[in-house]
Each structure stands twice: as structure tokens, then as C-alpha cells.
Amino acid sequence: MAESVVLDPVDLHLLRLLQNDARTTYRDLAALIGVAPSTCLDRVTRLRRSGVILGHQLRLDPAKLGRGLEALLSVQVRPHRRELVGPFVERIRSLPESRTVFHLTGPDDYLVHVAVADMADLQRLVLDGFTAHREVARVETRLIFQQWDCGPLLPPDPQGAGATASGATPSAKPG
């Protein structure tokens, strides 16, 4: 398990602002936080080097790309052995429909978020991309009607009150 990084209130404010809009300039961030732009740049650089900030991603609307149907596939793999995990995950990650893959505990081994064109495309994906492989014992499909983004990820509050996610901008996305 990765070691936690100690973050002060300025770091937390910076992370909250960047999670809400990663395109905010250092000058604007510095003004919002009340530090010099060079301080802001140094802190972001430190947060990147320490692995707190993992990168920047461009988010696309699957429906506008012809993938208007999203689903969660619960997948059971048998036998669930180490030598199958790596190749299985890499094969699933290589599918253009795959958005996210989770390795789980419990009765299902994997949860895969997929985006497809329609029901026929989903059926093809389940039959050809998953159950056609002999290690896949079962696939259970759940359609996603709608999803919401949540507030910024912050470390737990040491007092146990929970960190606040002020400034969160939830976005409903039909799907």
C-alpha cells in the first residue's frame, strides 16, 4: 500500500481547485489561494513528484462518440489464478468499449465499466469479448441510467468529521 503524503491546508485548497478545473492557470490558482504564482508552481511540482497528482485527463462524452449505452459488467473468472489475472486484465483493457476495470473481492472477480453503441453492441461485447473465453465463468450486466461526478478527493479528516468537498460541481450525464 502506498504511503500517505502529508498535505497542509494550502495543498488541500490547491488540490480542490485543480480537481474542479485542471486548466486553471498558476496565476489564477495563486490569487485564489493567496500565495505567489511561483509558490503555486513549486507546490504543484512537488505534488506531482510525490505521486499525489497522477496526471491530467481529457473527459469525453461517450454518447457524442456513438457510445450512448453504458453498462457495468460483473465478471467471474474460473479458475481465479494469478497467471490468468494479468492476461485477462490486459485483454479487457485493450477492448475499445472498456472504460474502467476493477479487480474485486467477493463473488465477482471483476467489475468492468463499458460504453457501447446500443443493446446489440452490448450483446456482441458480452458474447465475443467476455464469455467466448473459457476462463470467464459468468457475466452479469447492469445498465447505467445516469451518473454523477462527486466532489474532489481529499484525505480523511484526522478529527473524523470528514473532509468537505466545497466547490464540487456535480454533472448529471444521461446514459
Protein backbone atom coordinates (compact mmCIF):
# COMPACT_ATOMS: atom_id res chain seq x y z
CA MET A 1 0.00 0.00 0.00
CA ALA A 2 1.32 3.44 -0.92
CA GLU A 3 2.45 5.75 1.83
CA SER A 4 0.34 8.83 2.51
CA VAL A 5 1.76 12.27 1.79
CA VAL A 6 1.38 14.99 4.40
CA LEU A 7 -0.65 17.87 2.96
CA ASP A 8 -1.16 21.26 4.54
CA PRO A 9 -4.25 23.49 4.09
CA VAL A 10 -2.68 25.27 1.10
CA ASP A 11 -2.03 21.91 -0.63
CA LEU A 12 -5.61 20.81 0.06
CA HIS A 13 -7.05 24.06 -1.30
CA LEU A 14 -4.85 23.74 -4.38
CA LEU A 15 -5.93 20.14 -4.98
CA ARG A 16 -9.61 21.04 -4.56
CA LEU A 17 -9.32 23.84 -7.12
CA LEU A 18 -7.36 21.74 -9.61
CA GLN A 19 -9.82 18.84 -9.37
CA ASN A 20 -12.66 21.21 -10.18
CA ASP A 21 -10.77 22.72 -13.15
CA ALA A 22 -7.32 21.37 -14.04
CA ARG A 23 -6.90 24.13 -16.66
CA THR A 24 -6.76 26.91 -14.04
CA THR A 25 -3.56 28.90 -14.53
CA TYR A 26 -0.94 29.12 -11.80
CA ARG A 27 -1.57 32.86 -11.63
CA ASP A 28 -5.31 32.32 -11.01
CA LEU A 29 -4.65 29.50 -8.53
CA ALA A 30 -2.19 31.68 -6.64
CA ALA A 31 -4.70 34.52 -6.44
CA LEU A 32 -7.45 32.20 -5.18
CA ILE A 33 -5.19 30.63 -2.55
CA GLY A 34 -3.31 33.78 -1.57
CA VAL A 35 0.25 32.73 -2.48
CA ALA A 36 2.75 33.77 -5.15
CA PRO A 37 2.45 32.09 -8.58
CA SER A 38 5.99 30.66 -8.13
CA THR A 39 4.90 29.10 -4.81
CA CYS A 40 1.88 27.62 -6.55
CA LEU A 41 4.07 26.15 -9.30
CA ASP A 42 6.52 24.71 -6.73
CA ARG A 43 3.67 23.08 -4.80
CA VAL A 44 2.08 21.53 -7.90
CA THR A 45 5.52 20.24 -8.97
CA ARG A 46 6.03 18.71 -5.51
CA LEU A 47 2.55 17.14 -5.59
CA ARG A 48 3.32 15.60 -9.00
CA ARG A 49 6.72 14.27 -7.89
CA SER A 50 5.25 12.75 -4.73
CA GLY A 51 2.57 10.97 -6.78
CA VAL A 52 -0.42 12.83 -5.31
CA ILE A 53 -1.21 14.31 -8.74
CA LEU A 54 -1.18 11.46 -11.24
CA GLY A 55 -1.83 13.38 -14.43
CA HIS A 56 -4.41 15.26 -16.42
CA GLN A 57 -7.17 13.63 -18.43
CA LEU A 58 -9.48 14.85 -21.10
CA ARG A 59 -13.04 13.65 -20.47
CA LEU A 60 -15.19 12.84 -23.47
CA ASP A 61 -18.93 12.29 -23.74
CA PRO A 62 -19.39 8.65 -24.84
CA ALA A 63 -22.83 9.38 -26.35
CA LYS A 64 -21.35 12.03 -28.66
CA LEU A 65 -18.83 9.44 -29.83
CA GLY A 66 -21.55 6.94 -30.74
CA ARG A 67 -21.36 5.01 -27.46
CA GLY A 68 -24.58 6.13 -25.80
CA LEU A 69 -25.20 2.96 -23.78
CA GLU A 70 -23.03 2.35 -20.72
CA ALA A 71 -23.05 -0.71 -18.50
CA LEU A 72 -21.26 -2.35 -15.61
CA LEU A 73 -20.27 -5.97 -16.21
CA SER A 74 -19.65 -8.16 -13.16
CA VAL A 75 -17.31 -10.92 -14.29
CA GLN A 76 -16.46 -14.17 -12.56
CA VAL A 77 -13.27 -15.88 -13.72
CA ARG A 78 -12.58 -19.58 -13.07
CA PRO A 79 -10.06 -20.64 -12.11
CA HIS A 80 -9.12 -17.36 -10.48
CA ARG A 81 -5.37 -17.80 -10.52
CA ARG A 82 -2.52 -15.31 -10.67
CA GLU A 83 -1.34 -16.45 -14.11
CA LEU A 84 -4.76 -15.58 -15.58
CA VAL A 85 -5.17 -12.18 -13.91
CA GLY A 86 -2.59 -10.23 -15.94
CA PRO A 87 -3.57 -11.53 -19.39
CA PHE A 88 -7.29 -11.22 -18.61
CA VAL A 89 -6.97 -7.60 -17.44
CA GLU A 90 -4.79 -6.63 -20.40
CA ARG A 91 -7.25 -8.21 -22.86
CA ILE A 92 -10.19 -6.37 -21.27
CA ARG A 93 -8.25 -3.08 -21.16
CA SER A 94 -7.48 -3.44 -24.87
CA LEU A 95 -11.18 -3.56 -25.80
CA PRO A 96 -12.24 -0.16 -27.19
CA GLU A 97 -15.52 -0.40 -25.23
CA SER A 98 -13.77 -0.74 -21.83
CA ARG A 99 -13.66 2.40 -19.69
CA THR A 100 -12.52 1.09 -16.28
CA VAL A 101 -11.64 -2.33 -14.84
CA PHE A 102 -11.76 -3.12 -11.12
CA HIS A 103 -10.37 -6.30 -9.51
CA LEU A 104 -12.71 -7.13 -6.62
CA THR A 105 -13.24 -9.29 -3.58
CA GLY A 106 -16.49 -11.19 -3.16
CA PRO A 107 -18.41 -13.42 -5.57
CA ASP A 108 -17.41 -11.41 -8.66
CA ASP A 109 -13.76 -11.07 -9.60
CA TYR A 110 -14.00 -8.00 -11.85
CA LEU A 111 -16.27 -5.05 -12.47
CA VAL A 112 -15.88 -3.56 -15.93
CA HIS A 113 -17.41 -0.23 -16.98
CA VAL A 114 -18.11 -0.31 -20.72
CA ALA A 115 -19.57 2.11 -23.28
CA VAL A 116 -21.22 0.70 -26.41
CA ALA A 117 -23.39 1.91 -29.27
CA ASP A 118 -26.58 0.03 -28.41
CA MET A 119 -28.03 -3.21 -26.98
CA ALA A 120 -26.88 -5.29 -29.96
CA ASP A 121 -23.34 -3.95 -29.47
CA LEU A 122 -23.52 -4.77 -25.75
CA GLN A 123 -24.69 -8.30 -26.52
CA ARG A 124 -21.86 -8.75 -29.03
CA LEU A 125 -19.33 -7.47 -26.48
CA VAL A 126 -20.55 -9.81 -23.72
CA LEU A 127 -20.65 -12.85 -26.01
CA ASP A 128 -17.48 -12.23 -28.04
CA GLY A 129 -15.36 -10.13 -25.71
CA PHE A 130 -16.10 -11.96 -22.47
CA THR A 131 -17.99 -15.26 -22.42
CA ALA A 132 -16.22 -16.61 -25.54
CA HIS A 133 -13.14 -17.00 -23.35
CA ARG A 134 -13.12 -20.21 -21.34
CA GLU A 135 -11.85 -18.64 -18.11
CA VAL A 136 -14.97 -16.43 -17.92
CA ALA A 137 -17.49 -18.39 -15.87
CA ARG A 138 -20.20 -15.73 -15.62
CA VAL A 139 -21.02 -12.18 -16.70
CA GLU A 140 -23.80 -10.15 -15.12
CA THR A 141 -24.79 -6.91 -16.85
CA ARG A 142 -26.18 -3.76 -15.26
CA LEU A 143 -27.16 -0.81 -17.44
CA ILE A 144 -26.20 2.68 -16.30
CA PHE A 145 -29.16 5.05 -16.50
CA GLN A 146 -27.34 8.11 -15.20
CA GLN A 147 -24.13 9.01 -13.40
CA TRP A 148 -22.92 11.97 -11.37
CA ASP A 149 -19.45 13.22 -10.63
CA CYS A 150 -18.73 13.74 -6.96
CA GLY A 151 -16.63 16.34 -5.20
CA PRO A 152 -12.86 16.44 -5.12
CA LEU A 153 -10.96 13.62 -3.43
CA LEU A 154 -9.30 14.83 -0.25
CA PRO A 155 -7.54 12.94 2.54
CA PRO A 156 -9.63 11.85 5.54
CA ASP A 157 -10.12 14.45 8.26
CA PRO A 158 -7.95 13.37 11.23
CA GLN A 159 -10.73 14.53 13.59
CA GLY A 160 -13.12 12.11 11.88
CA ALA A 161 -15.53 14.83 10.77
CA GLY A 162 -14.90 14.09 7.09
CA ALA A 163 -13.23 16.45 4.66
CA THR A 164 -15.56 18.84 2.94
CA ALA A 165 -15.79 18.93 -0.81
CA SER A 166 -16.83 22.55 -1.21
CA GLY A 167 -16.79 23.75 -4.71
CA ALA A 168 -17.87 20.41 -6.15
CA THR A 169 -19.69 20.75 -9.40
CA PRO A 170 -21.81 17.65 -9.93
CA SER A 171 -22.63 16.99 -13.53
CA ALA A 172 -25.50 14.75 -14.48
CA LYS A 173 -24.87 12.74 -17.58
CA PRO A 174 -27.69 10.74 -19.09
CA GLY A 175 -26.63 7.36 -20.18
